[in-house]
Amino acid sequence: MLVITAVCFLDDDGALLTVRKRGTDRFMLVGGKLEPGETPVQAAVREAHEEVGLRVRPEELVPLGEFDAPAANEAATWVRCTVFTAALEQHPRPLAEIAELRRLPLGAALPEDLAPLLAEHVVPALRRRAAPGGAAPARG
């Protein structure tokens, strides 16, 4: 089991920022593996800056949940991911291993090329939050 962290960056229209890493075909959230001694919040802040150039402060991260799912790009591997939400108030750009950025409108049909964690857990959790009577996703 890989222990990772990820951030759901939501724009003003409620669309989610997704990324595709170089040499892969699945879109996922900004994030990655924790370094030794790092908390999920610290890793989320670091990964956001390394992968897409976004500076996010720890207090801007709102916990969404912790989810287990098959890894998108590693066979026979599962991930346990702590997921946060944050407002997308800057302009992301593909850095490090990121090959492509894509907006994912949460109300639209889900594309087939999403990571299992995103399709099976995160998007449903975000949709529940946005539903009438649910807590709104983090807006910063």
C-alpha atoms as a PDB file:
ATOM      1  CA  MET A   1       0.000   0.000   0.000  1.00  0.00           C
ATOM      2  CA  LEU A   2       1.385   3.373  -1.048  1.00  0.00           C
ATOM      3  CA  VAL A   3       0.593   6.261   1.302  1.00  0.00           C
ATOM      4  CA  ILE A   4      -0.051   9.433  -0.658  1.00  0.00           C
ATOM      5  CA  THR A   5      -1.733  12.807  -0.382  1.00  0.00           C
ATOM      6  CA  ALA A   6      -3.644  14.851  -2.965  1.00  0.00           C
ATOM      7  CA  VAL A   7      -5.349  18.200  -3.413  1.00  0.00           C
ATOM      8  CA  CYS A   8      -8.624  18.934  -5.189  1.00  0.00           C
ATOM      9  CA  PHE A   9      -8.037  22.395  -6.605  1.00  0.00           C
ATOM     10  CA  LEU A  10     -11.462  23.812  -7.517  1.00  0.00           C
ATOM     11  CA  ASP A  11     -11.854  26.850  -9.760  1.00  0.00           C
ATOM     12  CA  ASP A  12     -14.557  29.536  -9.549  1.00  0.00           C
ATOM     13  CA  ASP A  13     -16.887  27.381 -11.654  1.00  0.00           C
ATOM     14  CA  GLY A  14     -16.420  24.379  -9.353  1.00  0.00           C
ATOM     15  CA  ALA A  15     -14.327  22.479 -11.915  1.00  0.00           C
ATOM     16  CA  LEU A  16     -11.526  20.289 -10.624  1.00  0.00           C
ATOM     17  CA  LEU A  17      -7.898  20.528 -11.741  1.00  0.00           C
ATOM     18  CA  THR A  18      -6.579  17.133 -12.852  1.00  0.00           C
ATOM     19  CA  VAL A  19      -3.106  16.195 -14.064  1.00  0.00           C
ATOM     20  CA  ARG A  20      -1.570  13.476 -16.207  1.00  0.00           C
ATOM     21  CA  LYS A  21       1.975  12.431 -15.415  1.00  0.00           C
ATOM     22  CA  ARG A  22       4.495  11.931 -18.212  1.00  0.00           C
ATOM     23  CA  GLY A  23       4.450   8.372 -19.598  1.00  0.00           C
ATOM     24  CA  THR A  24       0.963   7.603 -18.222  1.00  0.00           C
ATOM     25  CA  ASP A  25      -2.562   7.787 -19.604  1.00  0.00           C
ATOM     26  CA  ARG A  26      -4.659   8.383 -16.454  1.00  0.00           C
ATOM     27  CA  PHE A  27      -5.642  11.753 -15.048  1.00  0.00           C
ATOM     28  CA  MET A  28      -5.408  12.207 -11.296  1.00  0.00           C
ATOM     29  CA  LEU A  29      -5.177  14.857  -8.612  1.00  0.00           C
ATOM     30  CA  VAL A  30      -2.161  16.984  -7.826  1.00  0.00           C
ATOM     31  CA  GLY A  31      -0.217  15.107  -5.159  1.00  0.00           C
ATOM     32  CA  GLY A  32       2.035  12.179  -4.451  1.00  0.00           C
ATOM     33  CA  LYS A  33       3.971  10.135  -1.939  1.00  0.00           C
ATOM     34  CA  LEU A  34       4.903  11.450   1.473  1.00  0.00           C
ATOM     35  CA  GLU A  35       8.581  11.910   2.197  1.00  0.00           C
ATOM     36  CA  PRO A  36       9.972  10.453   5.461  1.00  0.00           C
ATOM     37  CA  GLY A  37       8.662  12.404   8.460  1.00  0.00           C
ATOM     38  CA  GLU A  38       6.259  14.448   6.332  1.00  0.00           C
ATOM     39  CA  THR A  39       2.593  14.915   7.251  1.00  0.00           C
ATOM     40  CA  PRO A  40      -0.135  14.719   4.585  1.00  0.00           C
ATOM     41  CA  VAL A  41      -0.582  18.508   4.802  1.00  0.00           C
ATOM     42  CA  GLN A  42       3.148  19.152   4.352  1.00  0.00           C
ATOM     43  CA  ALA A  43       3.272  16.757   1.403  1.00  0.00           C
ATOM     44  CA  ALA A  44       0.228  18.410  -0.198  1.00  0.00           C
ATOM     45  CA  VAL A  45       1.830  21.856   0.049  1.00  0.00           C
ATOM     46  CA  ARG A  46       5.119  20.551  -1.394  1.00  0.00           C
ATOM     47  CA  GLU A  47       3.526  18.526  -4.208  1.00  0.00           C
ATOM     48  CA  ALA A  48       1.290  21.431  -5.309  1.00  0.00           C
ATOM     49  CA  HIS A  49       4.344  23.619  -5.739  1.00  0.00           C
ATOM     50  CA  GLU A  50       6.519  20.943  -7.379  1.00  0.00           C
ATOM     51  CA  GLU A  51       3.904  19.612  -9.801  1.00  0.00           C
ATOM     52  CA  VAL A  52       1.938  22.679 -10.887  1.00  0.00           C
ATOM     53  CA  GLY A  53       3.653  25.706  -9.343  1.00  0.00           C
ATOM     54  CA  LEU A  54       0.821  26.515  -6.919  1.00  0.00           C
ATOM     55  CA  ARG A  55       1.615  27.995  -3.528  1.00  0.00           C
ATOM     56  CA  VAL A  56      -0.938  26.863  -0.976  1.00  0.00           C
ATOM     57  CA  ARG A  57      -0.764  27.491   2.752  1.00  0.00           C
ATOM     58  CA  PRO A  58      -1.576  24.657   5.161  1.00  0.00           C
ATOM     59  CA  GLU A  59      -4.570  26.560   6.553  1.00  0.00           C
ATOM     60  CA  GLU A  60      -6.089  26.735   3.040  1.00  0.00           C
ATOM     61  CA  LEU A  61      -6.345  22.925   2.840  1.00  0.00           C
ATOM     62  CA  VAL A  62      -9.730  21.520   3.877  1.00  0.00           C
ATOM     63  CA  PRO A  63      -9.858  17.759   4.553  1.00  0.00           C
ATOM     64  CA  LEU A  64     -12.153  15.821   2.205  1.00  0.00           C
ATOM     65  CA  GLY A  65     -11.308  12.331   3.472  1.00  0.00           C
ATOM     66  CA  GLU A  66      -8.984   9.359   3.336  1.00  0.00           C
ATOM     67  CA  PHE A  67      -9.614   6.813   0.598  1.00  0.00           C
ATOM     68  CA  ASP A  68      -8.164   3.471  -0.559  1.00  0.00           C
ATOM     69  CA  ALA A  69      -8.138   2.533  -4.246  1.00  0.00           C
ATOM     70  CA  PRO A  70      -6.097   0.653  -6.844  1.00  0.00           C
ATOM     71  CA  ALA A  71      -3.108   2.686  -8.025  1.00  0.00           C
ATOM     72  CA  ALA A  72      -3.622   4.242 -11.441  1.00  0.00           C
ATOM     73  CA  ASN A  73      -0.174   3.550 -12.833  1.00  0.00           C
ATOM     74  CA  GLU A  74       1.295   0.697 -10.767  1.00  0.00           C
ATOM     75  CA  ALA A  75       0.008  -2.836 -11.295  1.00  0.00           C
ATOM     76  CA  ALA A  76      -1.161  -4.848  -8.273  1.00  0.00           C
ATOM     77  CA  THR A  77      -0.708  -1.826  -5.980  1.00  0.00           C
ATOM     78  CA  TRP A  78      -3.167   0.060  -3.816  1.00  0.00           C
ATOM     79  CA  VAL A  79      -2.966   3.617  -2.529  1.00  0.00           C
ATOM     80  CA  ARG A  80      -4.240   5.138   0.694  1.00  0.00           C
ATOM     81  CA  CYS A  81      -4.728   8.815   0.022  1.00  0.00           C
ATOM     82  CA  THR A  82      -5.492  11.732   2.319  1.00  0.00           C
ATOM     83  CA  VAL A  83      -7.387  14.205   0.142  1.00  0.00           C
ATOM     84  CA  PHE A  84      -7.812  17.925   0.697  1.00  0.00           C
ATOM     85  CA  THR A  85      -9.717  20.639  -1.149  1.00  0.00           C
ATOM     86  CA  ALA A  86      -8.487  24.160  -1.902  1.00  0.00           C
ATOM     87  CA  ALA A  87      -9.560  27.049  -4.085  1.00  0.00           C
ATOM     88  CA  LEU A  88      -7.710  27.388  -7.392  1.00  0.00           C
ATOM     89  CA  GLU A  89      -6.762  31.057  -7.250  1.00  0.00           C
ATOM     90  CA  GLN A  90      -3.519  30.937  -9.254  1.00  0.00           C
ATOM     91  CA  HIS A  91      -2.609  29.718 -12.733  1.00  0.00           C
ATOM     92  CA  PRO A  92      -1.214  26.174 -12.621  1.00  0.00           C
ATOM     93  CA  ARG A  93       1.395  25.025 -15.103  1.00  0.00           C
ATOM     94  CA  PRO A  94       2.758  21.542 -15.764  1.00  0.00           C
ATOM     95  CA  LEU A  95       6.096  21.077 -13.981  1.00  0.00           C
ATOM     96  CA  ALA A  96       8.276  18.134 -12.868  1.00  0.00           C
ATOM     97  CA  GLU A  97       6.686  14.903 -14.137  1.00  0.00           C
ATOM     98  CA  ILE A  98       3.371  16.518 -15.176  1.00  0.00           C
ATOM     99  CA  ALA A  99       2.676  16.273 -18.917  1.00  0.00           C
ATOM    100  CA  GLU A 100      -0.836  17.723 -19.082  1.00  0.00           C
ATOM    101  CA  LEU A 101      -3.431  19.674 -17.077  1.00  0.00           C
ATOM    102  CA  ARG A 102      -7.190  19.308 -17.567  1.00  0.00           C
ATOM    103  CA  ARG A 103     -10.276  20.857 -15.972  1.00  0.00           C
ATOM    104  CA  LEU A 104     -12.933  18.389 -14.894  1.00  0.00           C
ATOM    105  CA  PRO A 105     -16.416  19.929 -14.510  1.00  0.00           C
ATOM    106  CA  LEU A 106     -17.941  18.012 -11.592  1.00  0.00           C
ATOM    107  CA  GLY A 107     -21.424  17.985 -13.131  1.00  0.00           C
ATOM    108  CA  ALA A 108     -20.281  16.400 -16.395  1.00  0.00           C
ATOM    109  CA  ALA A 109     -20.000  12.720 -17.273  1.00  0.00           C
ATOM    110  CA  LEU A 110     -16.689  11.321 -16.117  1.00  0.00           C
ATOM    111  CA  PRO A 111     -14.100  10.524 -18.777  1.00  0.00           C
ATOM    112  CA  GLU A 112     -12.789   6.961 -18.968  1.00  0.00           C
ATOM    113  CA  ASP A 113      -9.186   8.015 -18.325  1.00  0.00           C
ATOM    114  CA  LEU A 114      -9.497   8.979 -14.653  1.00  0.00           C
ATOM    115  CA  ALA A 115      -7.521   7.281 -11.889  1.00  0.00           C
ATOM    116  CA  PRO A 116      -9.693   4.899  -9.830  1.00  0.00           C
ATOM    117  CA  LEU A 117      -9.275   6.994  -6.668  1.00  0.00           C
ATOM    118  CA  LEU A 118     -10.626  10.044  -8.469  1.00  0.00           C
ATOM    119  CA  ALA A 119     -13.514   8.328 -10.268  1.00  0.00           C
ATOM    120  CA  GLU A 120     -14.636   5.993  -7.468  1.00  0.00           C
ATOM    121  CA  HIS A 121     -14.122   8.114  -4.355  1.00  0.00           C
ATOM    122  CA  VAL A 122     -13.098  11.743  -4.781  1.00  0.00           C
ATOM    123  CA  VAL A 123     -15.571  12.943  -7.419  1.00  0.00           C
ATOM    124  CA  PRO A 124     -18.515  11.279  -5.629  1.00  0.00           C
ATOM    125  CA  ALA A 125     -17.412  12.904  -2.333  1.00  0.00           C
ATOM    126  CA  LEU A 126     -17.150  16.323  -4.009  1.00  0.00           C
ATOM    127  CA  ARG A 127     -20.561  15.874  -5.625  1.00  0.00           C
ATOM    128  CA  ARG A 128     -22.093  14.956  -2.246  1.00  0.00           C
ATOM    129  CA  ARG A 129     -20.607  18.116  -0.723  1.00  0.00           C
ATOM    130  CA  ALA A 130     -22.011  20.245  -3.543  1.00  0.00           C
ATOM    131  CA  ALA A 131     -25.518  18.680  -3.355  1.00  0.00           C
ATOM    132  CA  PRO A 132     -28.300  20.602  -1.624  1.00  0.00           C
ATOM    133  CA  GLY A 133     -27.859  20.114   2.088  1.00  0.00           C
ATOM    134  CA  GLY A 134     -24.210  19.051   1.683  1.00  0.00           C
ATOM    135  CA  ALA A 135     -21.229  21.093   2.733  1.00  0.00           C
ATOM    136  CA  ALA A 136     -19.829  23.156  -0.132  1.00  0.00           C
ATOM    137  CA  PRO A 137     -16.332  22.286  -1.386  1.00  0.00           C
ATOM    138  CA  ALA A 138     -13.552  24.517  -0.089  1.00  0.00           C
ATOM    139  CA  ARG A 139     -13.476  27.885  -1.776  1.00  0.00           C
ATOM    140  CA  GLY A 140     -10.486  29.350   0.063  1.00  0.00           C
END
